[in-house]
Amino acid sequence: MSVFEEAQPLNSGTPATPYDSDNTATAPVSPMPDESSPTRYQDGRGGINLEQVRRDQLRARQQWLRALASQLTSWWKR
């Protein structure tokens, strides 16, 4: 496939989850742009505080790695 050819969708148009097929037409759409992101990520000027998002993502990755290490350690000790 060359760079200029049209890419085909990976899932060939089928929904990835039941949520995608059942609720997309009836999903509530918020008229307020501020409601699209949690208030903890809003910066007070109508934007998103990317530093807070990055900190939370880092914290989530660290927690995930700790949990994985804990599970592997408990599995190894069996």
Protein backbone atom coordinates (compact mmCIF):
# COMPACT_ATOMS: atom_id res chain seq x y z
CA MET A 1 0.00 0.00 0.00
CA SER A 2 1.46 3.32 -0.98
CA VAL A 3 1.28 6.46 1.08
CA PHE A 4 -1.35 7.93 -1.23
CA GLU A 5 -3.81 5.05 -1.14
CA GLU A 6 -6.88 5.38 1.03
CA ALA A 7 -6.52 3.59 4.35
CA GLN A 8 -9.17 1.03 5.22
CA PRO A 9 -10.72 1.02 8.71
CA LEU A 10 -9.26 -1.63 10.98
CA ASN A 11 -12.58 -2.98 12.14
CA SER A 12 -14.28 -2.68 8.72
CA GLY A 13 -17.07 -0.53 10.09
CA THR A 14 -18.30 -2.89 12.76
CA PRO A 15 -18.63 -1.41 16.25
CA ALA A 16 -15.84 -2.29 18.65
CA THR A 17 -18.10 -2.50 21.68
CA PRO A 18 -21.82 -2.96 22.27
CA TYR A 19 -21.88 0.64 23.50
CA ASP A 20 -20.79 1.85 20.07
CA SER A 21 -23.69 0.19 18.29
CA ASP A 22 -26.49 0.72 20.83
CA ASN A 23 -26.03 4.13 22.38
CA THR A 24 -24.23 6.38 19.94
CA ALA A 25 -27.40 7.88 18.50
CA THR A 26 -28.94 8.42 21.93
CA ALA A 27 -25.81 9.49 23.79
CA PRO A 28 -26.36 12.86 25.49
CA VAL A 29 -24.53 15.74 23.90
CA SER A 30 -23.62 18.54 26.25
CA PRO A 31 -24.20 22.07 24.94
CA MET A 32 -21.55 23.41 27.33
CA PRO A 33 -17.93 22.96 26.17
CA ASP A 34 -16.72 23.07 29.79
CA GLU A 35 -18.61 19.90 30.59
CA SER A 36 -16.52 17.88 28.17
CA SER A 37 -13.63 17.60 30.62
CA PRO A 38 -13.67 17.13 34.40
CA THR A 39 -13.32 20.31 36.42
CA ARG A 40 -10.02 19.11 37.91
CA TYR A 41 -8.47 19.47 34.43
CA GLN A 42 -9.87 22.92 33.61
CA ASP A 43 -7.41 25.77 33.92
CA GLY A 44 -9.83 28.62 34.66
CA ARG A 45 -9.39 30.25 31.27
CA GLY A 46 -11.61 27.84 29.37
CA GLY A 47 -8.77 25.48 28.50
CA ILE A 48 -7.34 22.25 29.82
CA ASN A 49 -4.50 22.12 32.33
CA LEU A 50 -2.24 19.69 30.48
CA GLU A 51 0.24 19.49 33.34
CA GLN A 52 -2.48 18.12 35.65
CA VAL A 53 -3.48 15.61 32.97
CA ARG A 54 0.14 14.49 32.58
CA ARG A 55 0.61 14.16 36.34
CA ASP A 56 -2.54 12.05 36.63
CA GLN A 57 -1.47 9.88 33.70
CA LEU A 58 1.96 9.37 35.25
CA ARG A 59 0.38 8.51 38.61
CA ALA A 60 -1.96 6.01 36.92
CA ARG A 61 0.95 4.36 35.09
CA GLN A 62 2.94 4.12 38.32
CA GLN A 63 0.00 2.56 40.15
CA TRP A 64 -0.51 0.09 37.31
CA LEU A 65 3.15 -0.91 37.33
CA ARG A 66 3.14 -1.33 41.12
CA ALA A 67 0.05 -3.53 40.92
CA LEU A 68 1.61 -5.59 38.13
CA ALA A 69 4.85 -5.99 40.07
CA SER A 70 2.90 -7.03 43.15
CA GLN A 71 0.94 -9.64 41.22
CA LEU A 72 4.08 -10.99 39.58
CA THR A 73 5.84 -11.16 42.94
CA SER A 74 2.95 -13.03 44.54
CA TRP A 75 2.78 -15.36 41.53
CA TRP A 76 6.53 -15.99 41.66
CA LYS A 77 6.44 -16.88 45.39
CA ARG A 78 3.82 -19.61 44.92
